């Protein structure tokens, strides 16, 4: 089924008391997860979910919850550290603080896939303008680290327009294909579903 038609079919399903997410499932084939390291960031055209973001800065920011260097000491307590990582979806940092961030937070942020990285979350300087730009990008973005032969992500929610969902789908699909070693040859099948519905198999040309 074509993507546009699949979205229309999903909208005919029983309505729930909440806005269900629109989920994309990409099942893969011919990929060795032990040898192929697939990591990517998808920046969607349309925002659909607020993200909780925290910063590691020298100075407190009025734009975002901030942990300054003198406060790092507190997170040597494993319980405090695990609570922090659970509370936030993303972390950003000022570049000069990254060695200290890696030492204090790396052992938990790293495995959780939330470590600030040069491509997504490290700022050369702490300016409000740069922080605003990064926050805008993060709220529209999703990080994927491939751990199994199937990618399951949300691309929007049913409160969005069909055109917005279609554009978010197209961006996600193209980014995933481009990140795969053998591109489309690594894709077994693609499905679309709402939170509470069965998946619909798609035909993507």
C-alpha atoms as a PDB file:
ATOM      1  CA  UNK A   1       0.000   0.000   0.000  1.00  0.00           C
ATOM      2  CA  UNK A   2       1.232   3.507  -0.793  1.00  0.00           C
ATOM      3  CA  UNK A   3       2.124   5.709   2.179  1.00  0.00           C
ATOM      4  CA  UNK A   4      -0.630   8.279   1.585  1.00  0.00           C
ATOM      5  CA  UNK A   5      -3.273   5.532   1.337  1.00  0.00           C
ATOM      6  CA  UNK A   6      -1.899   3.828   4.471  1.00  0.00           C
ATOM      7  CA  UNK A   7      -2.241   7.073   6.464  1.00  0.00           C
ATOM      8  CA  UNK A   8      -5.854   7.400   5.261  1.00  0.00           C
ATOM      9  CA  UNK A   9      -6.582   3.794   6.306  1.00  0.00           C
ATOM     10  CA  UNK A  10      -5.055   4.299   9.753  1.00  0.00           C
ATOM     11  CA  UNK A  11      -7.308   7.308  10.326  1.00  0.00           C
ATOM     12  CA  UNK A  12     -10.355   5.023   9.887  1.00  0.00           C
ATOM     13  CA  UNK A  13      -9.329   2.982  12.938  1.00  0.00           C
ATOM     14  CA  UNK A  14     -11.056   3.313  16.315  1.00  0.00           C
ATOM     15  CA  UNK A  15     -10.370   6.664  17.942  1.00  0.00           C
ATOM     16  CA  UNK A  16      -8.619   6.696  21.310  1.00  0.00           C
ATOM     17  CA  UNK A  17      -8.670   9.230  24.140  1.00  0.00           C
ATOM     18  CA  UNK A  18      -5.180  10.445  23.205  1.00  0.00           C
ATOM     19  CA  UNK A  19      -3.370  11.427  20.021  1.00  0.00           C
ATOM     20  CA  UNK A  20      -1.724   8.188  18.942  1.00  0.00           C
ATOM     21  CA  UNK A  21       1.771   8.308  17.509  1.00  0.00           C
ATOM     22  CA  UNK A  22       2.337   7.326  13.892  1.00  0.00           C
ATOM     23  CA  UNK A  23       5.061   4.702  13.957  1.00  0.00           C
ATOM     24  CA  UNK A  24       7.358   3.580  11.162  1.00  0.00           C
ATOM     25  CA  UNK A  25       8.795   0.051  11.216  1.00  0.00           C
ATOM     26  CA  UNK A  26      11.672  -0.778   8.868  1.00  0.00           C
ATOM     27  CA  UNK A  27      12.680  -4.457   8.934  1.00  0.00           C
ATOM     28  CA  UNK A  28      16.165  -5.136   7.606  1.00  0.00           C
ATOM     29  CA  UNK A  29      17.982  -7.991   5.893  1.00  0.00           C
ATOM     30  CA  UNK A  30      21.558  -8.849   4.907  1.00  0.00           C
ATOM     31  CA  UNK A  31      23.125  -6.712   7.615  1.00  0.00           C
ATOM     32  CA  UNK A  32      25.696  -7.904  10.164  1.00  0.00           C
ATOM     33  CA  UNK A  33      25.020  -5.879  13.305  1.00  0.00           C
ATOM     34  CA  UNK A  34      28.331  -6.937  14.851  1.00  0.00           C
ATOM     35  CA  UNK A  35      30.304  -5.550  11.922  1.00  0.00           C
ATOM     36  CA  UNK A  36      28.085  -2.796  10.522  1.00  0.00           C
ATOM     37  CA  UNK A  37      27.824   0.238  12.784  1.00  0.00           C
ATOM     38  CA  UNK A  38      24.704   2.143  11.730  1.00  0.00           C
ATOM     39  CA  UNK A  39      24.115   5.433  13.576  1.00  0.00           C
ATOM     40  CA  UNK A  40      22.123   8.320  12.165  1.00  0.00           C
ATOM     41  CA  UNK A  41      20.239  11.473  13.048  1.00  0.00           C
ATOM     42  CA  UNK A  42      16.945  12.280  11.349  1.00  0.00           C
ATOM     43  CA  UNK A  43      15.861  15.917  11.395  1.00  0.00           C
ATOM     44  CA  UNK A  44      12.163  16.001  10.532  1.00  0.00           C
ATOM     45  CA  UNK A  45      10.514  18.875   8.617  1.00  0.00           C
ATOM     46  CA  UNK A  46       7.710  18.961  11.203  1.00  0.00           C
ATOM     47  CA  UNK A  47       8.016  18.840  14.996  1.00  0.00           C
ATOM     48  CA  UNK A  48       5.637  16.442  16.730  1.00  0.00           C
ATOM     49  CA  UNK A  49       6.942  15.876  20.242  1.00  0.00           C
ATOM     50  CA  UNK A  50       8.538  18.082  22.890  1.00  0.00           C
ATOM     51  CA  UNK A  51      11.861  16.833  24.204  1.00  0.00           C
ATOM     52  CA  UNK A  52      13.363  17.384  27.628  1.00  0.00           C
ATOM     53  CA  UNK A  53      16.852  18.801  27.158  1.00  0.00           C
ATOM     54  CA  UNK A  54      19.593  19.575  29.688  1.00  0.00           C
ATOM     55  CA  UNK A  55      22.875  21.474  29.247  1.00  0.00           C
ATOM     56  CA  UNK A  56      26.374  21.183  30.715  1.00  0.00           C
ATOM     57  CA  UNK A  57      27.554  24.827  30.713  1.00  0.00           C
ATOM     58  CA  UNK A  58      29.924  27.112  32.613  1.00  0.00           C
ATOM     59  CA  UNK A  59      27.063  29.553  33.285  1.00  0.00           C
ATOM     60  CA  UNK A  60      23.382  28.983  34.040  1.00  0.00           C
ATOM     61  CA  UNK A  61      21.173  29.476  30.966  1.00  0.00           C
ATOM     62  CA  UNK A  62      17.740  31.092  31.039  1.00  0.00           C
ATOM     63  CA  UNK A  63      16.728  28.960  28.033  1.00  0.00           C
ATOM     64  CA  UNK A  64      17.394  25.450  29.314  1.00  0.00           C
ATOM     65  CA  UNK A  65      17.945  23.493  32.570  1.00  0.00           C
ATOM     66  CA  UNK A  66      21.688  23.728  33.225  1.00  0.00           C
ATOM     67  CA  UNK A  67      24.262  21.791  35.211  1.00  0.00           C
ATOM     68  CA  UNK A  68      27.405  23.882  35.785  1.00  0.00           C
ATOM     69  CA  UNK A  69      30.853  22.444  36.434  1.00  0.00           C
ATOM     70  CA  UNK A  70      30.786  22.959  40.236  1.00  0.00           C
ATOM     71  CA  UNK A  71      27.605  20.845  40.292  1.00  0.00           C
ATOM     72  CA  UNK A  72      29.250  17.874  38.513  1.00  0.00           C
ATOM     73  CA  UNK A  73      30.452  16.590  41.890  1.00  0.00           C
ATOM     74  CA  UNK A  74      26.884  15.737  42.881  1.00  0.00           C
ATOM     75  CA  UNK A  75      26.584  13.217  40.045  1.00  0.00           C
ATOM     76  CA  UNK A  76      29.376  10.990  41.287  1.00  0.00           C
ATOM     77  CA  UNK A  77      26.476   9.450  43.195  1.00  0.00           C
ATOM     78  CA  UNK A  78      25.262   6.674  40.837  1.00  0.00           C
ATOM     79  CA  UNK A  79      21.640   7.060  41.898  1.00  0.00           C
ATOM     80  CA  UNK A  80      21.651  10.804  41.139  1.00  0.00           C
ATOM     81  CA  UNK A  81      23.329  10.128  37.783  1.00  0.00           C
ATOM     82  CA  UNK A  82      20.818   7.479  36.718  1.00  0.00           C
ATOM     83  CA  UNK A  83      17.897   9.720  37.725  1.00  0.00           C
ATOM     84  CA  UNK A  84      19.347  12.566  35.655  1.00  0.00           C
ATOM     85  CA  UNK A  85      19.724  10.415  32.544  1.00  0.00           C
ATOM     86  CA  UNK A  86      16.172   9.102  32.972  1.00  0.00           C
ATOM     87  CA  UNK A  87      14.745  12.632  33.347  1.00  0.00           C
ATOM     88  CA  UNK A  88      16.069  14.027  30.040  1.00  0.00           C
ATOM     89  CA  UNK A  89      15.867  12.973  26.393  1.00  0.00           C
ATOM     90  CA  UNK A  90      18.906  14.945  25.229  1.00  0.00           C
ATOM     91  CA  UNK A  91      22.010  16.555  26.662  1.00  0.00           C
ATOM     92  CA  UNK A  92      24.095  19.354  25.149  1.00  0.00           C
ATOM     93  CA  UNK A  93      27.413  20.774  26.336  1.00  0.00           C
ATOM     94  CA  UNK A  94      29.909  23.598  25.900  1.00  0.00           C
ATOM     95  CA  UNK A  95      33.002  22.252  24.106  1.00  0.00           C
ATOM     96  CA  UNK A  96      35.539  23.215  26.854  1.00  0.00           C
ATOM     97  CA  UNK A  97      33.563  21.134  29.376  1.00  0.00           C
ATOM     98  CA  UNK A  98      33.459  17.936  27.302  1.00  0.00           C
ATOM     99  CA  UNK A  99      36.451  16.194  28.965  1.00  0.00           C
ATOM    100  CA  UNK A 100      34.838  16.721  32.390  1.00  0.00           C
ATOM    101  CA  UNK A 101      31.417  15.688  31.020  1.00  0.00           C
ATOM    102  CA  UNK A 102      32.910  12.476  29.615  1.00  0.00           C
ATOM    103  CA  UNK A 103      34.623  11.663  32.921  1.00  0.00           C
ATOM    104  CA  UNK A 104      31.630  12.363  35.151  1.00  0.00           C
ATOM    105  CA  UNK A 105      28.656  11.401  32.984  1.00  0.00           C
ATOM    106  CA  UNK A 106      30.054   9.296  30.122  1.00  0.00           C
ATOM    107  CA  UNK A 107      29.656   5.881  31.742  1.00  0.00           C
ATOM    108  CA  UNK A 108      25.874   6.340  31.865  1.00  0.00           C
ATOM    109  CA  UNK A 109      25.187   8.815  29.037  1.00  0.00           C
ATOM    110  CA  UNK A 110      27.231   6.758  26.556  1.00  0.00           C
ATOM    111  CA  UNK A 111      25.313   3.456  26.839  1.00  0.00           C
ATOM    112  CA  UNK A 112      22.022   5.395  26.892  1.00  0.00           C
ATOM    113  CA  UNK A 113      22.919   7.051  23.566  1.00  0.00           C
ATOM    114  CA  UNK A 114      22.598  10.519  25.140  1.00  0.00           C
ATOM    115  CA  UNK A 115      26.209  11.710  25.127  1.00  0.00           C
ATOM    116  CA  UNK A 116      26.616  15.171  23.493  1.00  0.00           C
ATOM    117  CA  UNK A 117      28.438  14.739  20.179  1.00  0.00           C
ATOM    118  CA  UNK A 118      30.172  17.143  17.746  1.00  0.00           C
ATOM    119  CA  UNK A 119      27.459  16.553  15.155  1.00  0.00           C
ATOM    120  CA  UNK A 120      24.636  17.002  17.601  1.00  0.00           C
ATOM    121  CA  UNK A 121      24.990  18.784  20.866  1.00  0.00           C
ATOM    122  CA  UNK A 122      28.397  20.381  21.461  1.00  0.00           C
ATOM    123  CA  UNK A 123      28.538  24.176  21.297  1.00  0.00           C
ATOM    124  CA  UNK A 124      31.745  26.090  20.647  1.00  0.00           C
ATOM    125  CA  UNK A 125      30.471  28.900  22.875  1.00  0.00           C
ATOM    126  CA  UNK A 126      27.585  29.521  25.254  1.00  0.00           C
ATOM    127  CA  UNK A 127      25.512  32.090  23.377  1.00  0.00           C
ATOM    128  CA  UNK A 128      21.731  32.332  23.558  1.00  0.00           C
ATOM    129  CA  UNK A 129      21.520  32.450  19.767  1.00  0.00           C
ATOM    130  CA  UNK A 130      23.472  29.195  19.326  1.00  0.00           C
ATOM    131  CA  UNK A 131      21.487  27.539  22.121  1.00  0.00           C
ATOM    132  CA  UNK A 132      18.176  28.539  20.462  1.00  0.00           C
ATOM    133  CA  UNK A 133      19.308  27.154  17.092  1.00  0.00           C
ATOM    134  CA  UNK A 134      20.399  23.866  18.635  1.00  0.00           C
ATOM    135  CA  UNK A 135      17.207  23.473  20.681  1.00  0.00           C
ATOM    136  CA  UNK A 136      15.107  24.074  17.559  1.00  0.00           C
ATOM    137  CA  UNK A 137      17.034  21.389  15.709  1.00  0.00           C
ATOM    138  CA  UNK A 138      16.876  18.873  18.551  1.00  0.00           C
ATOM    139  CA  UNK A 139      13.091  19.194  18.962  1.00  0.00           C
ATOM    140  CA  UNK A 140      12.732  18.079  15.324  1.00  0.00           C
ATOM    141  CA  UNK A 141      15.403  15.392  15.448  1.00  0.00           C
ATOM    142  CA  UNK A 142      15.799  11.750  16.365  1.00  0.00           C
ATOM    143  CA  UNK A 143      18.970   9.750  16.995  1.00  0.00           C
ATOM    144  CA  UNK A 144      19.031   6.115  15.889  1.00  0.00           C
ATOM    145  CA  UNK A 145      21.618   3.518  16.901  1.00  0.00           C
ATOM    146  CA  UNK A 146      20.958   0.201  15.205  1.00  0.00           C
ATOM    147  CA  UNK A 147      20.919  -2.649  17.744  1.00  0.00           C
ATOM    148  CA  UNK A 148      18.629  -5.124  15.971  1.00  0.00           C
ATOM    149  CA  UNK A 149      17.517  -5.896  12.414  1.00  0.00           C
ATOM    150  CA  UNK A 150      14.462  -3.683  12.787  1.00  0.00           C
ATOM    151  CA  UNK A 151      14.054   0.080  13.192  1.00  0.00           C
ATOM    152  CA  UNK A 152      10.938   1.278  15.037  1.00  0.00           C
ATOM    153  CA  UNK A 153      10.462   5.036  15.325  1.00  0.00           C
ATOM    154  CA  UNK A 154       7.682   7.610  15.610  1.00  0.00           C
ATOM    155  CA  UNK A 155       7.384   9.995  12.677  1.00  0.00           C
ATOM    156  CA  UNK A 156       4.478  12.050  13.999  1.00  0.00           C
ATOM    157  CA  UNK A 157       1.057  11.765  15.607  1.00  0.00           C
ATOM    158  CA  UNK A 158      -2.502  11.567  14.351  1.00  0.00           C
ATOM    159  CA  UNK A 159      -3.176  15.217  15.227  1.00  0.00           C
ATOM    160  CA  UNK A 160      -0.875  16.220  12.346  1.00  0.00           C
ATOM    161  CA  UNK A 161      -1.969  16.813   8.745  1.00  0.00           C
ATOM    162  CA  UNK A 162      -1.515  14.006   6.205  1.00  0.00           C
ATOM    163  CA  UNK A 163       0.969  16.131   4.218  1.00  0.00           C
ATOM    164  CA  UNK A 164       3.107  16.703   7.328  1.00  0.00           C
ATOM    165  CA  UNK A 165       3.146  12.991   8.130  1.00  0.00           C
ATOM    166  CA  UNK A 166       4.039  12.203   4.528  1.00  0.00           C
ATOM    167  CA  UNK A 167       6.929  14.686   4.568  1.00  0.00           C
ATOM    168  CA  UNK A 168       8.216  13.318   7.897  1.00  0.00           C
ATOM    169  CA  UNK A 169       7.949   9.765   6.527  1.00  0.00           C
ATOM    170  CA  UNK A 170       9.872  10.686   3.376  1.00  0.00           C
ATOM    171  CA  UNK A 171      12.668  12.293   5.394  1.00  0.00           C
ATOM    172  CA  UNK A 172      12.917   9.304   7.759  1.00  0.00           C
ATOM    173  CA  UNK A 173      12.862   6.726   4.965  1.00  0.00           C
ATOM    174  CA  UNK A 174      15.509   8.498   2.874  1.00  0.00           C
ATOM    175  CA  UNK A 175      17.841   9.028   5.846  1.00  0.00           C
ATOM    176  CA  UNK A 176      17.537   5.386   6.927  1.00  0.00           C
ATOM    177  CA  UNK A 177      18.211   4.091   3.392  1.00  0.00           C
ATOM    178  CA  UNK A 178      21.244   6.357   2.999  1.00  0.00           C
ATOM    179  CA  UNK A 179      22.703   5.124   6.320  1.00  0.00           C
ATOM    180  CA  UNK A 180      22.479   1.429   5.373  1.00  0.00           C
ATOM    181  CA  UNK A 181      25.571  -0.279   3.867  1.00  0.00           C
ATOM    182  CA  UNK A 182      23.654  -1.685   0.869  1.00  0.00           C
ATOM    183  CA  UNK A 183      20.949   1.007   0.812  1.00  0.00           C
ATOM    184  CA  UNK A 184      17.549  -0.348  -0.323  1.00  0.00           C
ATOM    185  CA  UNK A 185      18.958  -3.869  -0.693  1.00  0.00           C
ATOM    186  CA  UNK A 186      19.135  -3.982   3.129  1.00  0.00           C
ATOM    187  CA  UNK A 187      15.390  -3.355   3.478  1.00  0.00           C
ATOM    188  CA  UNK A 188      13.155  -6.394   3.923  1.00  0.00           C
ATOM    189  CA  UNK A 189       9.859  -4.542   4.350  1.00  0.00           C
ATOM    190  CA  UNK A 190       8.354  -1.306   5.675  1.00  0.00           C
ATOM    191  CA  UNK A 191       5.235  -0.858   7.784  1.00  0.00           C
ATOM    192  CA  UNK A 192       3.217   1.982   9.265  1.00  0.00           C
ATOM    193  CA  UNK A 193       0.969   1.851  12.353  1.00  0.00           C
ATOM    194  CA  UNK A 194      -0.650   3.904  15.077  1.00  0.00           C
ATOM    195  CA  UNK A 195       0.149   3.227  18.748  1.00  0.00           C
ATOM    196  CA  UNK A 196      -2.841   0.883  19.161  1.00  0.00           C
ATOM    197  CA  UNK A 197      -3.258  -0.557  15.648  1.00  0.00           C
ATOM    198  CA  UNK A 198      -1.814  -3.390  13.637  1.00  0.00           C
ATOM    199  CA  UNK A 199       0.870  -2.452  11.085  1.00  0.00           C
ATOM    200  CA  UNK A 200       0.081  -1.843   7.422  1.00  0.00           C
ATOM    201  CA  UNK A 201       2.734  -3.022   4.942  1.00  0.00           C
ATOM    202  CA  UNK A 202       3.895  -0.266   2.574  1.00  0.00           C
ATOM    203  CA  UNK A 203       5.066  -0.120  -0.995  1.00  0.00           C
ATOM    204  CA  UNK A 204       7.731   2.549  -1.415  1.00  0.00           C
ATOM    205  CA  UNK A 205       8.894   3.415  -4.915  1.00  0.00           C
END
